[in-house]
PDB file of N, CA and C in Angstrom:
ATOM      1  N   MET A   1     229.632   8.445 133.260  1.00  0.00           N
ATOM      2  CA  MET A   1     230.386   9.648 133.598  1.00  0.00           C
ATOM      3  C   MET A   1     229.505  10.884 133.524  1.00  0.00           C
ATOM      4  N   GLN A   2     228.524  10.881 132.628  1.00  0.00           N
ATOM      5  CA  GLN A   2     227.687  12.055 132.441  1.00  0.00           C
ATOM      6  C   GLN A   2     226.793  12.330 133.651  1.00  0.00           C
ATOM      7  N   ASN A   3     226.619  11.372 134.542  1.00  0.00           N
ATOM      8  CA  ASN A   3     225.813  11.573 135.739  1.00  0.00           C
ATOM      9  C   ASN A   3     226.662  11.938 136.943  1.00  0.00           C
ATOM     10  N   LEU A   4     227.891  12.316 136.706  1.00  0.00           N
ATOM     11  CA  LEU A   4     228.831  12.670 137.754  1.00  0.00           C
ATOM     12  C   LEU A   4     228.325  13.834 138.592  1.00  0.00           C
ATOM     13  N   GLU A   5     228.395  13.696 139.914  1.00  0.00           N
ATOM     14  CA  GLU A   5     228.123  14.799 140.839  1.00  0.00           C
ATOM     15  C   GLU A   5     229.259  14.853 141.840  1.00  0.00           C
ATOM     16  N   LEU A   6     229.751  16.054 142.094  1.00  0.00           N
ATOM     17  CA  LEU A   6     230.800  16.271 143.083  1.00  0.00           C
ATOM     18  C   LEU A   6     230.235  17.186 144.157  1.00  0.00           C
ATOM     19  N   THR A   7     230.368  16.785 145.404  1.00  0.00           N
ATOM     20  CA  THR A   7     229.798  17.585 146.486  1.00  0.00           C
ATOM     21  C   THR A   7     230.877  18.033 147.454  1.00  0.00           C
ATOM     22  N   GLY A   8     230.638  19.186 148.027  1.00  0.00           N
ATOM     23  CA  GLY A   8     231.471  19.737 149.076  1.00  0.00           C
ATOM     24  C   GLY A   8     230.555  20.421 150.069  1.00  0.00           C
ATOM     25  N   PRO A   9     231.100  21.018 151.109  1.00  0.00           N
ATOM     26  CA  PRO A   9     230.236  21.636 152.112  1.00  0.00           C
ATOM     27  C   PRO A   9     229.402  22.803 151.569  1.00  0.00           C
ATOM     28  N   ASP A  10     229.912  23.511 150.583  1.00  0.00           N
ATOM     29  CA  ASP A  10     229.205  24.698 150.089  1.00  0.00           C
ATOM     30  C   ASP A  10     228.877  24.652 148.605  1.00  0.00           C
ATOM     31  N   LEU A  11     229.288  23.600 147.900  1.00  0.00           N
ATOM     32  CA  LEU A  11     229.075  23.527 146.453  1.00  0.00           C
ATOM     33  C   LEU A  11     228.638  22.133 146.036  1.00  0.00           C
ATOM     34  N   LEU A  12     227.842  22.096 144.984  1.00  0.00           N
ATOM     35  CA  LEU A  12     227.481  20.849 144.312  1.00  0.00           C
ATOM     36  C   LEU A  12     227.747  21.061 142.832  1.00  0.00           C
ATOM     37  N   LEU A  13     228.605  20.245 142.252  1.00  0.00           N
ATOM     38  CA  LEU A  13     228.840  20.258 140.808  1.00  0.00           C
ATOM     39  C   LEU A  13     228.036  19.108 140.231  1.00  0.00           C
ATOM     40  N   ARG A  14     227.157  19.431 139.277  1.00  0.00           N
ATOM     41  CA  ARG A  14     226.245  18.429 138.727  1.00  0.00           C
ATOM     42  C   ARG A  14     226.038  18.681 137.244  1.00  0.00           C
ATOM     43  N   PRO A  15     225.500  17.684 136.538  1.00  0.00           N
ATOM     44  CA  PRO A  15     225.205  17.888 135.119  1.00  0.00           C
ATOM     45  C   PRO A  15     224.197  19.020 134.920  1.00  0.00           C
ATOM     46  N   TRP A  16     224.295  19.661 133.777  1.00  0.00           N
ATOM     47  CA  TRP A  16     223.351  20.728 133.429  1.00  0.00           C
ATOM     48  C   TRP A  16     221.963  20.157 133.201  1.00  0.00           C
ATOM     49  N   ARG A  17     220.939  20.932 133.570  1.00  0.00           N
ATOM     50  CA  ARG A  17     219.535  20.545 133.409  1.00  0.00           C
ATOM     51  C   ARG A  17     218.811  21.609 132.592  1.00  0.00           C
ATOM     52  N   ASP A  18     217.744  21.200 131.921  1.00  0.00           N
ATOM     53  CA  ASP A  18     216.922  22.151 131.160  1.00  0.00           C
ATOM     54  C   ASP A  18     216.456  23.307 132.034  1.00  0.00           C
ATOM     55  N   THR A  19     216.174  23.020 133.287  1.00  0.00           N
ATOM     56  CA  THR A  19     215.661  24.053 134.198  1.00  0.00           C
ATOM     57  C   THR A  19     216.708  25.102 134.556  1.00  0.00           C
ATOM     58  N   ASP A  20     217.959  24.899 134.150  1.00  0.00           N
ATOM     59  CA  ASP A  20     219.024  25.875 134.412  1.00  0.00           C
ATOM     60  C   ASP A  20     219.039  27.014 133.398  1.00  0.00           C
ATOM     61  N   ALA A  21     218.265  26.897 132.326  1.00  0.00           N
ATOM     62  CA  ALA A  21     218.311  27.896 131.249  1.00  0.00           C
ATOM     63  C   ALA A  21     218.054  29.327 131.725  1.00  0.00           C
ATOM     64  N   PRO A  22     217.080  29.603 132.603  1.00  0.00           N
ATOM     65  CA  PRO A  22     216.890  30.993 133.046  1.00  0.00           C
ATOM     66  C   PRO A  22     218.122  31.569 133.755  1.00  0.00           C
ATOM     67  N   ALA A  23     218.797  30.764 134.568  1.00  0.00           N
ATOM     68  CA  ALA A  23     220.010  31.241 135.240  1.00  0.00           C
ATOM     69  C   ALA A  23     221.118  31.496 134.223  1.00  0.00           C
ATOM     70  N   VAL A  24     221.221  30.632 133.225  1.00  0.00           N
ATOM     71  CA  VAL A  24     222.217  30.823 132.167  1.00  0.00           C
ATOM     72  C   VAL A  24     221.913  32.100 131.393  1.00  0.00           C
ATOM     73  N   LEU A  25     220.649  32.354 131.117  1.00  0.00           N
ATOM     74  CA  LEU A  25     220.274  33.572 130.395  1.00  0.00           C
ATOM     75  C   LEU A  25     220.712  34.812 131.167  1.00  0.00           C
ATOM     76  N   ARG A  26     220.496  34.822 132.470  1.00  0.00           N
ATOM     77  CA  ARG A  26     220.942  35.975 133.278  1.00  0.00           C
ATOM     78  C   ARG A  26     222.452  36.160 133.149  1.00  0.00           C
ATOM     79  N   ALA A  27     223.193  35.067 133.171  1.00  0.00           N
ATOM     80  CA  ALA A  27     224.649  35.153 133.048  1.00  0.00           C
ATOM     81  C   ALA A  27     225.064  35.630 131.657  1.00  0.00           C
ATOM     82  N   LEU A  28     224.386  35.140 130.618  1.00  0.00           N
ATOM     83  CA  LEU A  28     224.718  35.560 129.251  1.00  0.00           C
ATOM     84  C   LEU A  28     224.460  37.046 129.032  1.00  0.00           C
ATOM     85  N   ARG A  29     223.516  37.589 129.764  1.00  0.00           N
ATOM     86  CA  ARG A  29     223.183  39.013 129.622  1.00  0.00           C
ATOM     87  C   ARG A  29     223.983  39.913 130.558  1.00  0.00           C
ATOM     88  N   ASP A  30     224.759  39.352 131.443  1.00  0.00           N
ATOM     89  CA  ASP A  30     225.516  40.118 132.434  1.00  0.00           C
ATOM     90  C   ASP A  30     226.793  40.666 131.792  1.00  0.00           C
ATOM     91  N   ALA A  31     226.906  41.982 131.708  1.00  0.00           N
ATOM     92  CA  ALA A  31     228.051  42.626 131.048  1.00  0.00           C
ATOM     93  C   ALA A  31     229.369  42.305 131.744  1.00  0.00           C
ATOM     94  N   GLU A  32     229.359  42.197 133.073  1.00  0.00           N
ATOM     95  CA  GLU A  32     230.598  41.892 133.792  1.00  0.00           C
ATOM     96  C   GLU A  32     231.089  40.483 133.483  1.00  0.00           C
ATOM     97  N   ILE A  33     230.170  39.551 133.346  1.00  0.00           N
ATOM     98  CA  ILE A  33     230.560  38.189 132.980  1.00  0.00           C
ATOM     99  C   ILE A  33     231.031  38.161 131.529  1.00  0.00           C
ATOM    100  N   ALA A  34     230.332  38.856 130.646  1.00  0.00           N
ATOM    101  CA  ALA A  34     230.667  38.860 129.219  1.00  0.00           C
ATOM    102  C   ALA A  34     232.073  39.394 128.952  1.00  0.00           C
ATOM    103  N   GLN A  35     232.537  40.351 129.746  1.00  0.00           N
ATOM    104  CA  GLN A  35     233.873  40.900 129.500  1.00  0.00           C
ATOM    105  C   GLN A  35     234.972  39.855 129.696  1.00  0.00           C
ATOM    106  N   TRP A  36     234.718  38.835 130.494  1.00  0.00           N
ATOM    107  CA  TRP A  36     235.704  37.783 130.728  1.00  0.00           C
ATOM    108  C   TRP A  36     235.435  36.545 129.886  1.00  0.00           C
ATOM    109  N   ASN A  37     234.321  36.527 129.182  1.00  0.00           N
ATOM    110  CA  ASN A  37     233.939  35.393 128.339  1.00  0.00           C
ATOM    111  C   ASN A  37     233.548  35.897 126.963  1.00  0.00           C
ATOM    112  N   PRO A  38     234.493  36.515 126.257  1.00  0.00           N
ATOM    113  CA  PRO A  38     234.136  37.090 124.960  1.00  0.00           C
ATOM    114  C   PRO A  38     233.760  36.012 123.956  1.00  0.00           C
ATOM    115  N   GLY A  39     232.933  36.398 123.053  1.00  0.00           N
ATOM    116  CA  GLY A  39     232.517  35.484 122.002  1.00  0.00           C
ATOM    117  C   GLY A  39     231.710  36.250 120.983  1.00  0.00           C
ATOM    118  N   PRO A  40     231.426  35.614 119.889  1.00  0.00           N
ATOM    119  CA  PRO A  40     230.659  36.296 118.843  1.00  0.00           C
ATOM    120  C   PRO A  40     229.188  36.432 119.230  1.00  0.00           C
ATOM    121  N   VAL A  41     228.829  37.570 119.780  1.00  0.00           N
ATOM    122  CA  VAL A  41     227.435  37.829 120.147  1.00  0.00           C
ATOM    123  C   VAL A  41     226.868  38.805 119.130  1.00  0.00           C
ATOM    124  N   THR A  42     225.966  38.314 118.300  1.00  0.00           N
ATOM    125  CA  THR A  42     225.403  39.168 117.253  1.00  0.00           C
ATOM    126  C   THR A  42     224.010  39.662 117.606  1.00  0.00           C
ATOM    127  N   VAL A  43     223.364  38.998 118.553  1.00  0.00           N
ATOM    128  CA  VAL A  43     222.030  39.403 118.995  1.00  0.00           C
ATOM    129  C   VAL A  43     221.966  39.280 120.509  1.00  0.00           C
ATOM    130  N   GLU A  44     221.006  39.972 121.099  1.00  0.00           N
ATOM    131  CA  GLU A  44     220.782  39.854 122.539  1.00  0.00           C
ATOM    132  C   GLU A  44     220.383  38.415 122.856  1.00  0.00           C
ATOM    133  N   PRO A  45     221.075  37.750 123.790  1.00  0.00           N
ATOM    134  CA  PRO A  45     220.699  36.374 124.125  1.00  0.00           C
ATOM    135  C   PRO A  45     219.252  36.295 124.616  1.00  0.00           C
ATOM    136  N   ASP A  46     218.571  35.221 124.224  1.00  0.00           N
ATOM    137  CA  ASP A  46     217.205  34.989 124.686  1.00  0.00           C
ATOM    138  C   ASP A  46     217.147  33.596 125.315  1.00  0.00           C
ATOM    139  N   LEU A  47     215.964  33.197 125.745  1.00  0.00           N
ATOM    140  CA  LEU A  47     215.828  31.915 126.430  1.00  0.00           C
ATOM    141  C   LEU A  47     216.204  30.744 125.524  1.00  0.00           C
ATOM    142  N   ASP A  48     215.918  30.842 124.235  1.00  0.00           N
ATOM    143  CA  ASP A  48     216.323  29.774 123.309  1.00  0.00           C
ATOM    144  C   ASP A  48     217.846  29.659 123.234  1.00  0.00           C
ATOM    145  N   THR A  49     218.535  30.793 123.247  1.00  0.00           N
ATOM    146  CA  THR A  49     220.000  30.797 123.255  1.00  0.00           C
ATOM    147  C   THR A  49     220.513  30.088 124.505  1.00  0.00           C
ATOM    148  N   ALA A  50     219.907  30.407 125.643  1.00  0.00           N
ATOM    149  CA  ALA A  50     220.318  29.791 126.908  1.00  0.00           C
ATOM    150  C   ALA A  50     220.035  28.287 126.906  1.00  0.00           C
ATOM    151  N   ARG A  51     218.903  27.896 126.362  1.00  0.00           N
ATOM    152  CA  ARG A  51     218.573  26.463 126.292  1.00  0.00           C
ATOM    153  C   ARG A  51     219.588  25.714 125.431  1.00  0.00           C
ATOM    154  N   THR A  52     219.966  26.316 124.310  1.00  0.00           N
ATOM    155  CA  THR A  52     220.969  25.700 123.438  1.00  0.00           C
ATOM    156  C   THR A  52     222.300  25.575 124.167  1.00  0.00           C
ATOM    157  N   TRP A  53     222.676  26.611 124.912  1.00  0.00           N
ATOM    158  CA  TRP A  53     223.915  26.605 125.696  1.00  0.00           C
ATOM    159  C   TRP A  53     223.895  25.430 126.671  1.00  0.00           C
ATOM    160  N   VAL A  54     222.782  25.271 127.390  1.00  0.00           N
ATOM    161  CA  VAL A  54     222.643  24.180 128.361  1.00  0.00           C
ATOM    162  C   VAL A  54     222.697  22.825 127.656  1.00  0.00           C
ATOM    163  N   GLU A  55     221.967  22.678 126.558  1.00  0.00           N
ATOM    164  CA  GLU A  55     221.939  21.400 125.827  1.00  0.00           C
ATOM    165  C   GLU A  55     223.335  20.988 125.373  1.00  0.00           C
ATOM    166  N   ARG A  56     224.094  21.934 124.861  1.00  0.00           N
ATOM    167  CA  ARG A  56     225.444  21.617 124.374  1.00  0.00           C
ATOM    168  C   ARG A  56     226.352  21.178 125.515  1.00  0.00           C
ATOM    169  N   ARG A  57     226.227  21.820 126.650  1.00  0.00           N
ATOM    170  CA  ARG A  57     227.077  21.459 127.777  1.00  0.00           C
ATOM    171  C   ARG A  57     226.625  20.178 128.466  1.00  0.00           C
ATOM    172  N   ALA A  58     225.351  19.866 128.342  1.00  0.00           N
ATOM    173  CA  ALA A  58     224.834  18.630 128.945  1.00  0.00           C
ATOM    174  C   ALA A  58     225.165  17.398 128.107  1.00  0.00           C
ATOM    175  N   ASP A  59     225.473  17.592 126.830  1.00  0.00           N
ATOM    176  CA  ASP A  59     225.740  16.473 125.919  1.00  0.00           C
ATOM    177  C   ASP A  59     227.239  16.194 125.852  1.00  0.00           C
ATOM    178  N   TRP A  60     227.662  15.159 126.512  1.00  0.00           N
ATOM    179  CA  TRP A  60     229.077  14.788 126.528  1.00  0.00           C
ATOM    180  C   TRP A  60     229.396  13.711 125.497  1.00  0.00           C
ATOM    181  N   SER A  61     228.463  13.366 124.638  1.00  0.00           N
ATOM    182  CA  SER A  61     228.596  12.195 123.770  1.00  0.00           C
ATOM    183  C   SER A  61     229.778  12.258 122.801  1.00  0.00           C
ATOM    184  N   ALA A  62     230.211  13.438 122.410  1.00  0.00           N
ATOM    185  CA  ALA A  62     231.336  13.544 121.475  1.00  0.00           C
ATOM    186  C   ALA A  62     232.668  13.197 122.141  1.00  0.00           C
ATOM    187  N   GLY A  63     232.710  13.263 123.468  1.00  0.00           N
ATOM    188  CA  GLY A  63     233.929  12.930 124.190  1.00  0.00           C
ATOM    189  C   GLY A  63     234.991  14.006 124.176  1.00  0.00           C
ATOM    190  N   ASP A  64     234.666  15.192 123.647  1.00  0.00           N
ATOM    191  CA  ASP A  64     235.664  16.260 123.564  1.00  0.00           C
ATOM    192  C   ASP A  64     235.477  17.347 124.612  1.00  0.00           C
ATOM    193  N   HIS A  65     234.496  17.181 125.499  1.00  0.00           N
ATOM    194  CA  HIS A  65     234.293  18.135 126.587  1.00  0.00           C
ATOM    195  C   HIS A  65     233.476  17.482 127.697  1.00  0.00           C
ATOM    196  N   ALA A  66     233.533  18.091 128.868  1.00  0.00           N
ATOM    197  CA  ALA A  66     232.697  17.695 130.001  1.00  0.00           C
ATOM    198  C   ALA A  66     232.397  18.964 130.785  1.00  0.00           C
ATOM    199  N   SER A  67     231.127  19.233 131.025  1.00  0.00           N
ATOM    200  CA  SER A  67     230.728  20.470 131.699  1.00  0.00           C
ATOM    201  C   SER A  67     229.787  20.159 132.847  1.00  0.00           C
ATOM    202  N   LEU A  68     229.944  20.896 133.934  1.00  0.00           N
ATOM    203  CA  LEU A  68     229.090  20.740 135.104  1.00  0.00           C
ATOM    204  C   LEU A  68     228.603  22.101 135.575  1.00  0.00           C
ATOM    205  N   ALA A  69     227.378  22.130 136.079  1.00  0.00           N
ATOM    206  CA  ALA A  69     226.851  23.329 136.726  1.00  0.00           C
ATOM    207  C   ALA A  69     227.402  23.374 138.146  1.00  0.00           C
ATOM    208  N   VAL A  70     227.821  24.544 138.583  1.00  0.00           N
ATOM    209  CA  VAL A  70     228.243  24.754 139.964  1.00  0.00           C
ATOM    210  C   VAL A  70     227.040  25.348 140.686  1.00  0.00           C
ATOM    211  N   THR A  71     226.544  24.654 141.708  1.00  0.00           N
ATOM    212  CA  THR A  71     225.310  25.070 142.365  1.00  0.00           C
ATOM    213  C   THR A  71     225.466  25.127 143.878  1.00  0.00           C
ATOM    214  N   ASP A  72     224.522  25.815 144.501  1.00  0.00           N
ATOM    215  CA  ASP A  72     224.411  25.849 145.955  1.00  0.00           C
ATOM    216  C   ASP A  72     223.636  24.598 146.367  1.00  0.00           C
ATOM    217  N   PRO A  73     224.228  23.706 147.166  1.00  0.00           N
ATOM    218  CA  PRO A  73     223.532  22.466 147.499  1.00  0.00           C
ATOM    219  C   PRO A  73     222.274  22.682 148.337  1.00  0.00           C
ATOM    220  N   ALA A  74     222.207  23.781 149.060  1.00  0.00           N
ATOM    221  CA  ALA A  74     221.041  24.044 149.905  1.00  0.00           C
ATOM    222  C   ALA A  74     219.863  24.577 149.109  1.00  0.00           C
ATOM    223  N   THR A  75     220.139  25.448 148.129  1.00  0.00           N
ATOM    224  CA  THR A  75     219.050  26.105 147.394  1.00  0.00           C
ATOM    225  C   THR A  75     218.892  25.607 145.964  1.00  0.00           C
ATOM    226  N   GLY A  76     219.934  25.001 145.425  1.00  0.00           N
ATOM    227  CA  GLY A  76     219.909  24.579 144.027  1.00  0.00           C
ATOM    228  C   GLY A  76     220.249  25.688 143.054  1.00  0.00           C
ATOM    229  N   ALA A  77     220.513  26.891 143.555  1.00  0.00           N
ATOM    230  CA  ALA A  77     220.825  28.030 142.686  1.00  0.00           C
ATOM    231  C   ALA A  77     222.107  27.776 141.903  1.00  0.00           C
ATOM    232  N   VAL A  78     222.078  28.134 140.622  1.00  0.00           N
ATOM    233  CA  VAL A  78     223.261  28.008 139.777  1.00  0.00           C
ATOM    234  C   VAL A  78     224.212  29.152 140.113  1.00  0.00           C
ATOM    235  N   LEU A  79     225.436  28.799 140.484  1.00  0.00           N
ATOM    236  CA  LEU A  79     226.453  29.782 140.848  1.00  0.00           C
ATOM    237  C   LEU A  79     227.485  29.975 139.749  1.00  0.00           C
ATOM    238  N   GLY A  80     227.554  29.023 138.827  1.00  0.00           N
ATOM    239  CA  GLY A  80     228.531  29.119 137.752  1.00  0.00           C
ATOM    240  C   GLY A  80     228.643  27.810 137.004  1.00  0.00           C
ATOM    241  N   SER A  81     229.754  27.652 136.298  1.00  0.00           N
ATOM    242  CA  SER A  81     230.000  26.428 135.538  1.00  0.00           C
ATOM    243  C   SER A  81     231.490  26.124 135.535  1.00  0.00           C
ATOM    244  N   VAL A  82     231.799  24.870 135.315  1.00  0.00           N
ATOM    245  CA  VAL A  82     233.184  24.443 135.149  1.00  0.00           C
ATOM    246  C   VAL A  82     233.192  23.409 134.026  1.00  0.00           C
ATOM    247  N   SER A  83     234.192  23.503 133.147  1.00  0.00           N
ATOM    248  CA  SER A  83     234.225  22.631 131.972  1.00  0.00           C
ATOM    249  C   SER A  83     235.647  22.236 131.606  1.00  0.00           C
ATOM    250  N   LEU A  84     235.763  21.057 131.035  1.00  0.00           N
ATOM    251  CA  LEU A  84     236.969  20.644 130.326  1.00  0.00           C
ATOM    252  C   LEU A  84     236.643  20.773 128.852  1.00  0.00           C
ATOM    253  N   HIS A  85     237.483  21.486 128.113  1.00  0.00           N
ATOM    254  CA  HIS A  85     237.274  21.715 126.678  1.00  0.00           C
ATOM    255  C   HIS A  85     238.424  21.105 125.895  1.00  0.00           C
ATOM    256  N   SER A  86     238.179  20.876 124.636  1.00  0.00           N
ATOM    257  CA  SER A  86     239.225  20.395 123.722  1.00  0.00           C
ATOM    258  C   SER A  86     239.928  19.159 124.267  1.00  0.00           C
ATOM    259  N   VAL A  87     239.146  18.246 124.840  1.00  0.00           N
ATOM    260  CA  VAL A  87     239.714  17.021 125.393  1.00  0.00           C
ATOM    261  C   VAL A  87     240.216  16.143 124.250  1.00  0.00           C
ATOM    262  N   SER A  88     241.466  15.758 124.331  1.00  0.00           N
ATOM    263  CA  SER A  88     242.074  14.910 123.306  1.00  0.00           C
ATOM    264  C   SER A  88     242.931  13.849 123.986  1.00  0.00           C
ATOM    265  N   PRO A  89     242.349  12.667 124.276  1.00  0.00           N
ATOM    266  CA  PRO A  89     243.145  11.616 124.911  1.00  0.00           C
ATOM    267  C   PRO A  89     244.393  11.251 124.098  1.00  0.00           C
ATOM    268  N   ALA A  90     244.289  11.297 122.777  1.00  0.00           N
ATOM    269  CA  ALA A  90     245.436  10.949 121.932  1.00  0.00           C
ATOM    270  C   ALA A  90     246.601  11.910 122.148  1.00  0.00           C
ATOM    271  N   LEU A  91     246.285  13.185 122.331  1.00  0.00           N
ATOM    272  CA  LEU A  91     247.329  14.189 122.547  1.00  0.00           C
ATOM    273  C   LEU A  91     247.624  14.404 124.022  1.00  0.00           C
ATOM    274  N   GLY A  92     246.715  13.934 124.884  1.00  0.00           N
ATOM    275  CA  GLY A  92     246.914  14.080 126.322  1.00  0.00           C
ATOM    276  C   GLY A  92     246.762  15.501 126.816  1.00  0.00           C
ATOM    277  N   ASN A  93     245.853  16.257 126.197  1.00  0.00           N
ATOM    278  CA  ASN A  93     245.669  17.630 126.667  1.00  0.00           C
ATOM    279  C   ASN A  93     244.202  18.031 126.647  1.00  0.00           C
ATOM    280  N   GLU A  94     243.902  19.076 127.388  1.00  0.00           N
ATOM    281  CA  GLU A  94     242.581  19.685 127.429  1.00  0.00           C
ATOM    282  C   GLU A  94     242.716  21.066 128.048  1.00  0.00           C
ATOM    283  N   SER A  95     241.636  21.832 127.988  1.00  0.00           N
ATOM    284  CA  SER A  95     241.598  23.170 128.580  1.00  0.00           C
ATOM    285  C   SER A  95     240.515  23.186 129.644  1.00  0.00           C
ATOM    286  N   ILE A  96     240.729  23.974 130.682  1.00  0.00           N
ATOM    287  CA  ILE A  96     239.731  24.131 131.740  1.00  0.00           C
ATOM    288  C   ILE A  96     239.123  25.515 131.613  1.00  0.00           C
ATOM    289  N   GLY A  97     237.803  25.587 131.713  1.00  0.00           N
ATOM    290  CA  GLY A  97     237.108  26.864 131.677  1.00  0.00           C
ATOM    291  C   GLY A  97     236.121  26.941 132.828  1.00  0.00           C
ATOM    292  N   TYR A  98     235.834  28.159 133.265  1.00  0.00           N
ATOM    293  CA  TYR A  98     234.852  28.330 134.324  1.00  0.00           C
ATOM    294  C   TYR A  98     234.173  29.677 134.184  1.00  0.00           C
ATOM    295  N   ARG A  99     232.997  29.778 134.751  1.00  0.00           N
ATOM    296  CA  ARG A  99     232.248  31.031 134.860  1.00  0.00           C
ATOM    297  C   ARG A  99     231.624  31.053 136.237  1.00  0.00           C
ATOM    298  N   ASN A 100     231.500  32.228 136.814  1.00  0.00           N
ATOM    299  CA  ASN A 100     230.740  32.334 138.050  1.00  0.00           C
ATOM    300  C   ASN A 100     229.686  33.406 137.892  1.00  0.00           C
ATOM    301  N   ALA A 101     228.606  33.214 138.632  1.00  0.00           N
ATOM    302  CA  ALA A 101     227.489  34.154 138.566  1.00  0.00           C
ATOM    303  C   ALA A 101     227.925  35.490 139.146  1.00  0.00           C
ATOM    304  N   GLY A 102     227.303  36.558 138.637  1.00  0.00           N
ATOM    305  CA  GLY A 102     227.652  37.905 139.067  1.00  0.00           C
ATOM    306  C   GLY A 102     227.276  38.212 140.473  1.00  0.00           C
TER     307      GLY A 102
END
């Protein structure tokens, strides 16, 4: 399941890659994106922060989330992300989250 890719005419949803960290860093530093994705930010995000973000979303092993990068299939540019959070098969519920690039 972790190698899942979904394709459409204008989008490719694929697993997160280490090489996505610079695009994630730009998004983490974007004030317009941050206003819709609040969280405890105590320091200016750096490349290590972005790498950690990517690593966590790429690791589906706990079974409680699944995250994919939303990309341009022609250029490979990261356009955003889509995720299932708080997945609980026992309770039959989860949350959907998304971000798009500025």
